[in-house]
Amino acid sequence: MKKIYSSIAVKKGLITLFLLFIYVLGSRLTLPFVDLNSRDFLGGSTAYLAFSTALLGGNLRSLSLFSIGLSPWMSSMILWQLLSFSKKLNISSGAVEVQDRRKMYLTLVIALIQSLALSLNLPIQHLYSSLLVIIMNTLLLIAGSFFLIWLSDLNAQLGVGGSVVILLASIILNIPQDIINTFQLVRISMGVMLLIVLSSIVLIYMMVLMYRARYRIPVHKIGLRSRFKRYSYLEIMLNPAGGMPFMYVMSFLSLPTYIFLLLQTLFPKSSVFSELSAQYGVGKPLWIYSYIAMIFLFSIAFAFVNMSGDQISDRMKKSGEYIYGVYPGEETSHFINRLVLRFSIIGGIFNVLMAGTPMLFVLSDENLLRIAMIPGLFMMFGGMIFTIKDEMKALRLNETYKPLI
C-alpha cells in the first residue's frame, strides 16, 4: 500500500481528481440574480451554442460561473498562431513572459466579448437593476474563464492531462444528456439506431487505427552500438493532428456566433446583425460548410504544431542524430515537414469524411445536429483518452527502473 501511494502517477492522479472536484463544484455555482425558471435564453440557436460550449468546458445549461469555459483561451491560441505568421506584426518576438502576457490580453478581450454577449441575453430577475446585474455577471464570467485557465495550468504542472482533463469532464457531464434528448425529440427508428451503433463501433476501430498508426524513420545516433540501431527511429503519426482540430474548430467557430449575438443585442434595430446571426448560427448551412472546411485546415495546421520539422531537426542536430541519406539541419527540417504535410492531408481527409460528412444531414433537419456530431465527439474523446494514457505511461515508465544500490 505504501508503494502505491508513493507512485508519482498515483499522486498526480489524485491531484487531478481533486482539481476536477473543484471544476464540477464551480460548474454548479449559478450566476446571481438570474431567472433560472426562464427557458427563453436556451431557445433557438442558443440551444446549439450550449451544446458546443459544453465541448469547451462550459456549462450554459445551468448558467454557471464556468458558462463560457475555456473557449476564450482556445480561441486566443488560434488567433495568436495566425497573427504570428505576419512578419509586420512581429508579435512572436521578445521574451516568453512577454508573449504569454500578450496572449492573456488577447484572451481577456475574447472573454469580454463572450461574457458580455451572454450577460446581455440572460433572463434577469425584475427585482434588480439590469445594468448592475449585467456588469456583475460579465465580470464573474470573465473571472470564471480565467480561473479555469489557471486550474488547467495547475493540473498540467501537478496533475495529469492539463486542460484535456477539464474538457473531458465537461463532455462526460453534459453531452450524453443532450444526445439522449435529441433521440427522444427526433424519434429515430430502431433500425436507424442499430445502424448508428454499428457505425460508431466501426468509427472507433478506424479511429484507434489512425491514432496508433506510425511511420518510422530510421535515425542514426552517434555512439549507439550496431545491435541497438534497429530500435532507433523517429515516429510520425498517420494523423499527426490527432483530436485537436475538433476542439479548436468548435472554439474558433463559436467566436463569430458570440460577436453577432452581441452586436444583435447592442443594435436591435439593425437588421444586418440579426440576419448575420441567423445565417451563421450553429447548425446553419454557412456554419456547417465552415465547420467542414476548418476541420481540414486545422488538421494540417495542428499537425505542424505537434510535429515541427524545425524543432525536431534542431534537437537532432544538438544531440548528434541524423536521418540516413539526409543532411542535418535545414535539409532534415524540410524532409520532416514534407512527410508531416503528406500525412496531415491524409489525416485531414479522414477527419472530414468521419466528422464532416455526417454534418451534411443537418442541412435537411437541424434537429440532427447533436447526432451528426457524434463521430467528431468520438474522435475528440479518443484523442483525449490517448493523450492521458500516454502521459500516464510515461510517468510509470520511470518507476520500472530499480536502483542499483
Protein backbone atom coordinates (compact mmCIF):
# COMPACT_ATOMS: atom_id res chain seq x y z
CA MET A 1 0.00 0.00 0.00
CA LYS A 2 2.82 2.40 0.85
CA LYS A 3 4.44 1.68 -2.51
CA ILE A 4 1.21 2.55 -4.34
CA TYR A 5 0.81 5.95 -2.69
CA SER A 6 4.48 6.74 -3.24
CA SER A 7 4.00 6.35 -7.00
CA ILE A 8 4.29 9.62 -8.95
CA ALA A 9 1.48 8.56 -11.29
CA VAL A 10 -0.88 7.91 -8.34
CA LYS A 11 -0.01 11.22 -6.67
CA LYS A 12 -0.62 13.17 -9.87
CA GLY A 13 -3.83 11.24 -10.47
CA LEU A 14 -5.17 12.12 -7.00
CA ILE A 15 -4.31 15.80 -7.54
CA THR A 16 -6.19 15.72 -10.86
CA LEU A 17 -9.24 14.20 -9.16
CA PHE A 18 -9.18 16.98 -6.56
CA LEU A 19 -8.95 19.67 -9.26
CA LEU A 20 -11.81 18.00 -11.14
CA PHE A 21 -13.89 18.18 -7.96
CA ILE A 22 -13.25 21.94 -7.86
CA TYR A 23 -14.27 22.21 -11.53
CA VAL A 24 -17.52 20.26 -11.02
CA LEU A 25 -18.31 22.34 -7.92
CA GLY A 26 -17.72 25.60 -9.82
CA SER A 27 -19.84 24.46 -12.77
CA ARG A 28 -22.77 24.09 -10.35
CA LEU A 29 -22.46 27.64 -8.97
CA THR A 30 -25.10 29.62 -10.83
CA LEU A 31 -24.80 33.29 -11.69
CA PRO A 32 -26.60 35.66 -9.28
CA PHE A 33 -29.93 37.38 -9.95
CA VAL A 34 -30.71 35.17 -12.95
CA ASP A 35 -34.17 33.71 -13.52
CA LEU A 36 -33.41 30.01 -13.83
CA ASN A 37 -37.07 29.19 -14.50
CA SER A 38 -36.95 31.03 -17.81
CA ARG A 39 -36.16 28.83 -20.80
CA ASP A 40 -36.24 31.59 -23.42
CA PHE A 41 -32.49 32.00 -23.11
CA LEU A 42 -31.89 28.45 -24.32
CA GLY A 43 -34.25 28.73 -27.23
CA GLY A 44 -33.35 28.82 -30.90
CA SER A 45 -29.67 28.87 -31.87
CA THR A 46 -28.58 29.38 -28.27
CA ALA A 47 -29.55 25.77 -27.53
CA TYR A 48 -26.94 24.59 -30.02
CA LEU A 49 -24.48 27.14 -28.65
CA ALA A 50 -24.92 25.49 -25.24
CA PHE A 51 -24.05 22.14 -26.82
CA SER A 52 -20.88 23.45 -28.46
CA THR A 53 -19.87 25.30 -25.28
CA ALA A 54 -20.10 22.04 -23.32
CA LEU A 55 -17.33 20.67 -25.57
CA LEU A 56 -15.07 23.50 -24.38
CA GLY A 57 -15.52 23.13 -20.62
CA GLY A 58 -18.52 25.48 -20.40
CA ASN A 59 -21.96 24.98 -18.90
CA LEU A 60 -24.68 27.19 -20.34
CA ARG A 61 -27.38 24.77 -19.22
CA SER A 62 -27.17 25.79 -15.57
CA LEU A 63 -25.89 29.34 -16.31
CA SER A 64 -22.92 28.71 -14.06
CA LEU A 65 -19.75 30.58 -13.25
CA PHE A 66 -17.93 28.50 -15.89
CA SER A 67 -20.52 29.11 -18.62
CA ILE A 68 -18.04 30.11 -21.34
CA GLY A 69 -15.43 27.55 -20.26
CA LEU A 70 -12.01 27.53 -21.90
CA SER A 71 -13.34 28.91 -25.18
CA PRO A 72 -11.63 32.37 -24.87
CA TRP A 73 -8.26 30.80 -24.16
CA MET A 74 -8.53 28.28 -27.02
CA SER A 75 -9.69 30.95 -29.46
CA SER A 76 -6.84 33.24 -28.44
CA MET A 77 -4.32 30.44 -29.05
CA ILE A 78 -5.63 30.03 -32.60
CA LEU A 79 -5.62 33.77 -33.31
CA TRP A 80 -2.12 34.05 -31.84
CA GLN A 81 -0.85 31.34 -34.18
CA LEU A 82 -2.43 33.11 -37.15
CA LEU A 83 -1.06 36.52 -36.15
CA SER A 84 2.42 35.09 -35.55
CA PHE A 85 2.72 34.32 -39.27
CA SER A 86 2.73 38.06 -40.01
CA LYS A 87 6.27 39.45 -40.06
CA LYS A 88 4.97 43.03 -39.88
CA LEU A 89 3.26 42.49 -36.54
CA ASN A 90 6.29 40.63 -35.17
CA ILE A 91 4.30 39.55 -32.09
CA SER A 92 6.43 36.44 -31.55
CA SER A 93 9.50 38.49 -30.70
CA GLY A 94 10.57 39.12 -27.15
CA ALA A 95 10.83 37.02 -24.03
CA VAL A 96 8.46 34.13 -23.30
CA GLU A 97 6.94 36.05 -20.38
CA VAL A 98 6.09 38.98 -22.68
CA GLN A 99 4.44 36.67 -25.22
CA ASP A 100 2.43 34.92 -22.50
CA ARG A 101 1.24 38.29 -21.23
CA ARG A 102 0.14 39.28 -24.72
CA LYS A 103 -1.75 36.02 -25.09
CA MET A 104 -3.56 36.70 -21.83
CA TYR A 105 -4.51 40.18 -23.05
CA LEU A 106 -5.98 38.64 -26.19
CA THR A 107 -7.79 36.04 -24.06
CA LEU A 108 -9.21 38.86 -21.92
CA VAL A 109 -10.61 40.66 -24.98
CA ILE A 110 -12.30 37.48 -26.27
CA ALA A 111 -13.60 36.63 -22.79
CA LEU A 112 -15.07 40.14 -22.52
CA ILE A 113 -16.89 39.74 -25.86
CA GLN A 114 -18.32 36.33 -24.99
CA SER A 115 -19.22 37.23 -21.40
CA LEU A 116 -20.93 40.48 -22.39
CA ALA A 117 -22.87 38.71 -25.17
CA LEU A 118 -24.18 36.17 -22.66
CA SER A 119 -24.86 38.67 -19.87
CA LEU A 120 -26.95 40.88 -22.14
CA ASN A 121 -29.14 37.90 -23.07
CA LEU A 122 -29.52 36.38 -19.59
CA PRO A 123 -33.05 36.22 -18.12
CA ILE A 124 -32.60 38.68 -15.23
CA GLN A 125 -35.00 38.82 -12.30
CA HIS A 126 -37.11 42.01 -12.43
CA LEU A 127 -36.43 43.00 -8.83
CA TYR A 128 -32.87 44.13 -9.55
CA SER A 129 -31.15 46.75 -11.72
CA SER A 130 -30.41 45.26 -15.12
CA LEU A 131 -27.26 47.33 -15.65
CA LEU A 132 -25.66 46.29 -12.36
CA VAL A 133 -26.55 42.63 -12.89
CA ILE A 134 -25.11 42.66 -16.42
CA ILE A 135 -21.83 44.24 -15.22
CA MET A 136 -21.59 41.82 -12.30
CA ASN A 137 -22.28 38.70 -14.37
CA THR A 138 -19.89 39.84 -17.11
CA LEU A 139 -17.09 40.19 -14.55
CA LEU A 140 -17.98 36.85 -12.95
CA LEU A 141 -17.94 35.05 -16.31
CA ILE A 142 -14.54 36.54 -17.17
CA ALA A 143 -13.21 35.57 -13.73
CA GLY A 144 -14.63 32.05 -14.15
CA SER A 145 -12.91 31.61 -17.51
CA PHE A 146 -9.55 32.78 -16.16
CA PHE A 147 -9.99 30.56 -13.11
CA LEU A 148 -10.42 27.59 -15.46
CA ILE A 149 -7.26 28.59 -17.32
CA TRP A 150 -5.37 28.74 -14.01
CA LEU A 151 -6.87 25.37 -13.00
CA SER A 152 -5.69 23.85 -16.30
CA ASP A 153 -2.16 25.20 -15.83
CA LEU A 154 -2.15 23.89 -12.26
CA ASN A 155 -3.23 20.47 -13.46
CA ALA A 156 -0.54 20.50 -16.15
CA GLN A 157 2.12 21.17 -13.50
CA LEU A 158 0.88 18.98 -10.65
CA GLY A 159 -1.59 16.56 -12.21
CA VAL A 160 -2.22 14.61 -15.39
CA GLY A 161 -3.68 15.75 -18.72
CA GLY A 162 -3.65 19.53 -18.34
CA SER A 163 -6.68 21.23 -19.90
CA VAL A 164 -7.67 17.99 -21.66
CA VAL A 165 -9.00 16.54 -18.38
CA ILE A 166 -11.33 19.51 -17.84
CA LEU A 167 -12.67 19.27 -21.39
CA LEU A 168 -13.12 15.52 -20.95
CA ALA A 169 -15.05 16.02 -17.70
CA SER A 170 -17.28 18.62 -19.34
CA ILE A 171 -18.11 16.25 -22.20
CA ILE A 172 -18.95 13.40 -19.83
CA LEU A 173 -21.14 15.61 -17.61
CA ASN A 174 -23.13 17.45 -20.28
CA ILE A 175 -23.08 15.83 -23.71
CA PRO A 176 -24.76 12.41 -23.09
CA GLN A 177 -27.96 14.02 -21.80
CA ASP A 178 -28.11 16.34 -24.83
CA ILE A 179 -27.76 13.39 -27.20
CA ILE A 180 -30.45 11.39 -25.34
CA ASN A 181 -32.83 14.36 -25.54
CA THR A 182 -32.18 14.59 -29.27
CA PHE A 183 -33.01 10.92 -29.79
CA GLN A 184 -36.28 11.46 -27.91
CA LEU A 185 -37.08 14.56 -29.95
CA VAL A 186 -36.29 13.15 -33.39
CA ARG A 187 -37.85 9.72 -32.68
CA ILE A 188 -35.42 7.64 -34.66
CA SER A 189 -36.49 4.10 -35.58
CA MET A 190 -34.83 1.02 -34.11
CA GLY A 191 -33.21 0.16 -37.45
CA VAL A 192 -31.54 3.57 -37.70
CA MET A 193 -30.46 3.31 -34.05
CA LEU A 194 -28.82 -0.04 -34.77
CA LEU A 195 -27.09 1.46 -37.81
CA ILE A 196 -25.77 4.34 -35.67
CA VAL A 197 -24.42 1.89 -33.06
CA LEU A 198 -22.70 -0.27 -35.70
CA SER A 199 -21.28 2.81 -37.41
CA SER A 200 -19.96 4.03 -34.06
CA ILE A 201 -18.15 0.72 -33.48
CA VAL A 202 -16.56 0.87 -36.94
CA LEU A 203 -15.63 4.52 -36.35
CA ILE A 204 -13.95 3.73 -33.03
CA TYR A 205 -11.97 0.92 -34.65
CA MET A 206 -10.80 3.15 -37.52
CA MET A 207 -10.04 5.99 -35.12
CA VAL A 208 -7.81 3.75 -32.99
CA LEU A 209 -6.01 2.56 -36.12
CA MET A 210 -5.41 6.13 -37.30
CA TYR A 211 -4.22 7.34 -33.89
CA ARG A 212 -1.90 4.40 -33.35
CA ALA A 213 -0.53 4.08 -36.91
CA ARG A 214 3.05 5.34 -37.14
CA TYR A 215 5.53 5.94 -39.93
CA ARG A 216 9.03 5.16 -38.65
CA ILE A 217 12.10 6.94 -39.99
CA PRO A 218 15.41 5.22 -39.16
CA VAL A 219 17.68 7.56 -37.18
CA HIS A 220 21.42 7.12 -36.65
CA LYS A 221 22.69 8.03 -33.19
CA ILE A 222 26.37 8.62 -32.65
CA GLY A 223 27.81 6.23 -30.12
CA LEU A 224 24.94 3.73 -30.36
CA ARG A 225 26.04 0.14 -30.81
CA SER A 226 25.05 -1.51 -34.08
CA ARG A 227 22.77 -4.11 -32.48
CA PHE A 228 20.59 -1.35 -30.99
CA LYS A 229 20.30 0.70 -34.19
CA ARG A 230 17.13 -1.06 -35.29
CA TYR A 231 15.37 0.36 -32.24
CA SER A 232 16.38 3.95 -33.11
CA TYR A 233 13.76 5.75 -35.19
CA LEU A 234 11.62 8.88 -35.47
CA GLU A 235 7.85 8.30 -35.44
CA ILE A 236 5.26 10.35 -37.34
CA MET A 237 1.57 9.67 -36.75
CA LEU A 238 -0.63 8.85 -39.72
CA ASN A 239 -2.96 11.54 -38.35
CA PRO A 240 -0.43 13.96 -36.80
CA ALA A 241 -3.06 16.44 -35.56
CA GLY A 242 -4.91 13.81 -33.52
CA GLY A 243 -8.14 15.02 -31.91
CA MET A 244 -7.03 18.65 -31.54
CA PRO A 245 -8.78 20.03 -34.67
CA PHE A 246 -12.28 19.29 -33.36
CA MET A 247 -11.75 21.04 -30.03
CA TYR A 248 -10.27 24.16 -31.57
CA VAL A 249 -12.69 24.28 -34.52
CA MET A 250 -15.64 24.41 -32.12
CA SER A 251 -13.93 27.18 -30.15
CA PHE A 252 -12.94 29.17 -33.22
CA LEU A 253 -16.38 28.94 -34.86
CA SER A 254 -18.20 29.90 -31.67
CA LEU A 255 -16.40 33.27 -31.55
CA PRO A 256 -18.29 34.82 -34.54
CA THR A 257 -21.54 33.49 -33.03
CA TYR A 258 -20.85 35.40 -29.81
CA ILE A 259 -19.86 38.53 -31.75
CA PHE A 260 -23.05 38.50 -33.85
CA LEU A 261 -25.11 37.80 -30.74
CA LEU A 262 -23.51 40.80 -29.00
CA LEU A 263 -23.99 43.14 -31.98
CA GLN A 264 -27.58 41.99 -32.41
CA THR A 265 -28.30 42.86 -28.77
CA LEU A 266 -26.50 46.22 -28.85
CA PHE A 267 -28.14 47.27 -32.14
CA PRO A 268 -31.59 45.65 -32.10
CA LYS A 269 -32.96 47.96 -34.81
CA SER A 270 -30.32 46.90 -37.34
CA SER A 271 -31.50 44.02 -39.49
CA VAL A 272 -27.96 43.34 -40.75
CA PHE A 273 -26.70 41.84 -37.49
CA SER A 274 -29.90 39.87 -37.00
CA GLU A 275 -29.53 38.41 -40.46
CA LEU A 276 -25.86 37.57 -39.90
CA SER A 277 -26.66 35.97 -36.56
CA ALA A 278 -29.40 33.88 -38.17
CA GLN A 279 -27.25 32.82 -41.13
CA TYR A 280 -24.15 31.98 -39.07
CA GLY A 281 -25.90 30.29 -36.15
CA VAL A 282 -24.70 26.88 -35.01
CA GLY A 283 -26.22 24.26 -37.34
CA LYS A 284 -26.94 26.69 -40.19
CA PRO A 285 -25.63 25.90 -43.72
CA LEU A 286 -22.89 28.56 -43.61
CA TRP A 287 -21.73 27.29 -40.21
CA ILE A 288 -21.71 23.66 -41.43
CA TYR A 289 -19.64 24.43 -44.53
CA SER A 290 -17.23 26.48 -42.40
CA TYR A 291 -17.03 23.61 -39.91
CA ILE A 292 -16.07 21.08 -42.61
CA ALA A 293 -13.50 23.40 -44.21
CA MET A 294 -11.95 24.34 -40.86
CA ILE A 295 -11.59 20.69 -39.84
CA PHE A 296 -9.43 20.05 -42.90
CA LEU A 297 -7.37 23.24 -42.47
CA PHE A 298 -6.88 22.71 -38.72
CA SER A 299 -5.86 19.09 -39.33
CA ILE A 300 -2.94 20.41 -41.38
CA ALA A 301 -2.14 23.34 -39.07
CA PHE A 302 -2.09 21.34 -35.83
CA ALA A 303 -0.04 18.60 -37.47
CA PHE A 304 2.84 21.10 -37.63
CA VAL A 305 2.11 22.20 -34.06
CA ASN A 306 2.58 18.60 -32.88
CA MET A 307 5.43 17.78 -35.28
CA SER A 308 7.57 20.81 -36.09
CA GLY A 309 10.38 19.95 -38.50
CA ASP A 310 12.45 22.93 -37.34
CA GLN A 311 12.29 21.93 -33.68
CA ILE A 312 12.96 18.25 -34.36
CA SER A 313 15.91 18.91 -36.67
CA ASP A 314 17.40 21.38 -34.18
CA ARG A 315 17.06 18.85 -31.36
CA MET A 316 18.62 16.10 -33.51
CA LYS A 317 21.49 18.34 -34.50
CA LYS A 318 22.30 19.18 -30.89
CA SER A 319 22.15 15.54 -29.77
CA GLY A 320 24.26 14.21 -32.65
CA GLU A 321 21.47 12.40 -34.52
CA TYR A 322 20.75 12.33 -38.23
CA ILE A 323 18.46 10.60 -40.74
CA TYR A 324 20.11 8.25 -43.19
CA GLY A 325 20.70 9.98 -46.53
CA VAL A 326 19.64 13.43 -45.28
CA TYR A 327 22.00 16.21 -44.22
CA PRO A 328 21.46 17.56 -40.69
CA GLY A 329 19.93 20.99 -40.20
CA GLU A 330 17.76 22.70 -42.79
CA GLU A 331 17.55 19.72 -45.14
CA THR A 332 16.36 17.50 -42.28
CA SER A 333 13.75 20.10 -41.37
CA HIS A 334 12.42 20.21 -44.95
CA PHE A 335 12.40 16.40 -45.11
CA ILE A 336 10.34 16.06 -41.91
CA ASN A 337 7.96 18.89 -42.88
CA ARG A 338 7.27 17.26 -46.26
CA LEU A 339 6.33 14.00 -44.55
CA VAL A 340 4.19 15.78 -41.96
CA LEU A 341 2.36 17.65 -44.74
CA ARG A 342 1.60 14.41 -46.61
CA PHE A 343 0.30 12.64 -43.53
CA SER A 344 -1.63 15.72 -42.38
CA ILE A 345 -3.50 15.76 -45.71
CA ILE A 346 -4.34 12.07 -45.21
CA GLY A 347 -5.45 12.83 -41.65
CA GLY A 348 -7.45 15.86 -42.82
CA ILE A 349 -9.32 13.80 -45.42
CA PHE A 350 -10.03 11.12 -42.80
CA ASN A 351 -11.29 13.72 -40.32
CA VAL A 352 -13.56 15.35 -42.91
CA LEU A 353 -15.00 12.00 -44.00
CA MET A 354 -15.60 10.79 -40.46
CA ALA A 355 -16.67 14.00 -38.72
CA GLY A 356 -17.58 16.37 -41.55
CA THR A 357 -19.72 14.24 -43.84
CA PRO A 358 -22.42 13.43 -41.20
CA MET A 359 -22.92 17.17 -40.73
CA LEU A 360 -24.43 17.35 -44.24
CA PHE A 361 -27.53 15.53 -42.91
CA VAL A 362 -28.18 18.58 -40.73
CA LEU A 363 -28.97 20.56 -43.89
CA SER A 364 -32.20 18.56 -44.20
CA ASP A 365 -33.10 18.56 -40.49
CA GLU A 366 -31.44 20.92 -37.98
CA ASN A 367 -32.54 18.69 -35.08
CA LEU A 368 -29.97 16.11 -36.22
CA LEU A 369 -27.06 18.40 -35.28
CA ARG A 370 -26.17 16.69 -31.99
CA ILE A 371 -26.41 13.23 -33.57
CA ALA A 372 -24.30 14.30 -36.56
CA MET A 373 -21.60 15.49 -34.17
CA ILE A 374 -21.26 12.06 -32.51
CA PRO A 375 -18.37 10.98 -34.83
CA GLY A 376 -16.49 14.19 -34.03
CA LEU A 377 -17.17 13.63 -30.33
CA PHE A 378 -15.76 10.12 -30.55
CA MET A 379 -12.61 11.36 -32.26
CA MET A 380 -12.20 14.20 -29.77
CA PHE A 381 -12.87 11.85 -26.86
CA GLY A 382 -10.44 9.25 -28.24
CA GLY A 383 -7.70 11.84 -28.71
CA MET A 384 -8.11 12.95 -25.09
CA ILE A 385 -8.01 9.39 -23.77
CA PHE A 386 -4.86 8.58 -25.74
CA THR A 387 -3.20 11.80 -24.54
CA ILE A 388 -3.87 10.97 -20.89
CA LYS A 389 -2.87 7.33 -21.39
CA ASP A 390 0.47 8.26 -22.98
CA GLU A 391 1.21 10.71 -20.16
CA MET A 392 0.43 8.09 -17.50
CA LYS A 393 2.57 5.56 -19.36
CA ALA A 394 5.50 8.00 -19.40
CA LEU A 395 5.11 8.62 -15.65
CA ARG A 396 5.03 4.93 -14.84
CA LEU A 397 8.00 4.20 -17.10
CA ASN A 398 10.45 5.89 -14.71
CA GLU A 399 9.21 3.69 -11.86
CA THR A 400 10.05 0.48 -13.71
CA TYR A 401 13.77 1.05 -13.18
CA LYS A 402 15.20 -0.29 -9.93
CA PRO A 403 18.07 1.47 -8.12
CA LEU A 404 21.48 -0.24 -8.31
CA ILE A 405 22.19 0.41 -4.65
